[in-house]
Amino acid sequence: MLKKNHKNSLYMENLQAPAFLAKSLSDENRLRILLCISNRKKSVSAIVEELQLSQPLISHHLKELKRSLLVKVERDGPFIYYELADKRIIDILMNLDRLATDLLTRRKTF
């Protein structure tokens, strides 16, 4: 859990939960899936069609995203729909993108 101390700097009490989420976000296909479902819930077949990835691959990543509580699942008859569990996920991805861009822009060597 993140906490602020009296000097307004952050420190961590428990790093397990953020590390678990960071690991779940460490795959580019999972990020693409999260972006794909960022505006509305979608079926697996709609995600497959939009991202042009195989159904088994999408299903594998959706299982991991569900396990890490990043997506919600809704069953409607024979169809299963996925949506973001929390809209803040997209904000986090946007912040990570800005950070990565800034860091890579300033990099001088590998």
Protein backbone atom coordinates (compact mmCIF):
# COMPACT_ATOMS: atom_id res chain seq x y z
CA MET A 1 0.00 0.00 0.00
CA LEU A 2 1.32 3.43 -0.93
CA LYS A 3 1.39 5.99 1.84
CA LYS A 4 2.62 9.54 2.06
CA ASN A 5 4.83 10.59 4.90
CA HIS A 6 4.95 14.06 6.43
CA LYS A 7 7.45 15.29 3.81
CA ASN A 8 5.07 14.33 0.97
CA SER A 9 7.39 11.61 -0.35
CA LEU A 10 6.07 8.13 -0.98
CA TYR A 11 7.12 4.95 0.70
CA MET A 12 5.82 1.41 0.52
CA GLU A 13 4.50 -0.72 3.32
CA ASN A 14 3.76 -3.76 1.19
CA LEU A 15 5.18 -4.25 -2.29
CA GLN A 16 3.42 -7.53 -3.12
CA ALA A 17 0.20 -6.07 -4.54
CA PRO A 18 1.85 -3.43 -6.78
CA ALA A 19 4.42 -6.00 -7.95
CA PHE A 20 1.62 -8.44 -8.81
CA LEU A 21 -0.19 -5.79 -10.87
CA ALA A 22 3.05 -4.64 -12.52
CA LYS A 23 3.76 -8.22 -13.59
CA SER A 24 0.27 -8.48 -15.06
CA LEU A 25 0.89 -5.26 -17.01
CA SER A 26 4.29 -6.38 -18.28
CA ASP A 27 2.99 -8.01 -21.46
CA GLU A 28 2.32 -5.88 -24.54
CA ASN A 29 -0.65 -8.02 -25.61
CA ARG A 30 -2.29 -7.56 -22.21
CA LEU A 31 -1.86 -3.81 -22.55
CA ARG A 32 -3.43 -3.96 -26.01
CA ILE A 33 -6.38 -5.92 -24.60
CA LEU A 34 -6.88 -3.40 -21.81
CA LEU A 35 -6.88 -0.56 -24.32
CA CYS A 36 -9.26 -2.50 -26.56
CA ILE A 37 -11.85 -2.81 -23.78
CA SER A 38 -11.25 0.64 -22.33
CA ASN A 39 -14.45 2.20 -23.73
CA ARG A 40 -16.92 -0.65 -23.44
CA LYS A 41 -17.24 -4.33 -22.67
CA LYS A 42 -16.42 -6.70 -25.50
CA SER A 43 -16.65 -10.39 -26.25
CA VAL A 44 -13.59 -12.53 -26.81
CA SER A 45 -14.43 -12.77 -30.52
CA ALA A 46 -14.64 -8.96 -30.80
CA ILE A 47 -11.25 -8.61 -29.10
CA VAL A 48 -9.76 -11.28 -31.38
CA GLU A 49 -11.10 -9.50 -34.46
CA GLU A 50 -9.95 -6.05 -33.37
CA LEU A 51 -6.45 -7.07 -32.27
CA GLN A 52 -5.88 -9.74 -34.94
CA LEU A 53 -4.50 -12.21 -32.38
CA SER A 54 -5.47 -15.85 -31.97
CA GLN A 55 -8.41 -16.77 -29.76
CA PRO A 56 -6.30 -19.05 -27.50
CA LEU A 57 -3.77 -16.24 -26.98
CA ILE A 58 -6.49 -13.69 -26.15
CA SER A 59 -8.16 -16.16 -23.79
CA HIS A 60 -4.87 -16.85 -22.02
CA HIS A 61 -4.22 -13.15 -21.46
CA LEU A 62 -7.81 -12.49 -20.38
CA LYS A 63 -7.46 -15.25 -17.80
CA GLU A 64 -4.35 -13.53 -16.41
CA LEU A 65 -6.03 -10.12 -16.42
CA LYS A 66 -9.03 -11.60 -14.62
CA ARG A 67 -6.76 -13.31 -12.08
CA SER A 68 -5.08 -9.99 -11.35
CA LEU A 69 -8.49 -8.27 -11.00
CA LEU A 70 -7.84 -5.86 -13.88
CA VAL A 71 -10.91 -6.97 -15.85
CA LYS A 72 -14.48 -7.82 -14.94
CA VAL A 73 -16.31 -10.69 -16.60
CA GLU A 74 -19.99 -10.81 -17.51
CA ARG A 75 -21.76 -13.84 -18.95
CA ASP A 76 -24.77 -13.30 -21.21
CA GLY A 77 -26.04 -16.63 -22.48
CA PRO A 78 -23.28 -18.28 -24.50
CA PHE A 79 -21.23 -15.07 -24.65
CA ILE A 80 -18.66 -13.82 -22.17
CA TYR A 81 -17.88 -10.11 -22.08
CA TYR A 82 -14.85 -8.40 -20.60
CA GLU A 83 -14.49 -4.83 -19.39
CA LEU A 84 -12.03 -2.84 -17.34
CA ALA A 85 -12.39 -3.34 -13.62
CA ASP A 86 -11.45 0.28 -12.99
CA LYS A 87 -11.06 3.24 -15.36
CA ARG A 88 -7.91 4.31 -13.46
CA ILE A 89 -6.09 1.47 -15.22
CA ILE A 90 -6.03 3.57 -18.40
CA ASP A 91 -4.69 6.57 -16.47
CA ILE A 92 -1.89 4.38 -15.14
CA LEU A 93 -1.07 3.12 -18.64
CA MET A 94 -0.99 6.69 -19.95
CA ASN A 95 1.35 7.73 -17.12
CA LEU A 96 3.61 4.75 -17.81
CA ASP A 97 3.70 5.68 -21.48
CA ARG A 98 4.69 9.27 -20.67
CA LEU A 99 7.36 8.08 -18.23
CA ALA A 100 8.78 5.60 -20.74
CA THR A 101 8.85 8.24 -23.46
CA ASP A 102 10.61 10.73 -21.17
CA LEU A 103 13.15 8.20 -19.97
CA LEU A 104 13.92 6.95 -23.46
CA THR A 105 14.23 10.50 -24.78
CA ARG A 106 16.86 11.31 -22.15
CA ARG A 107 18.79 8.06 -22.57
CA LYS A 108 22.27 8.51 -23.94
CA THR A 109 23.43 4.86 -24.05
CA PHE A 110 21.99 1.40 -23.61
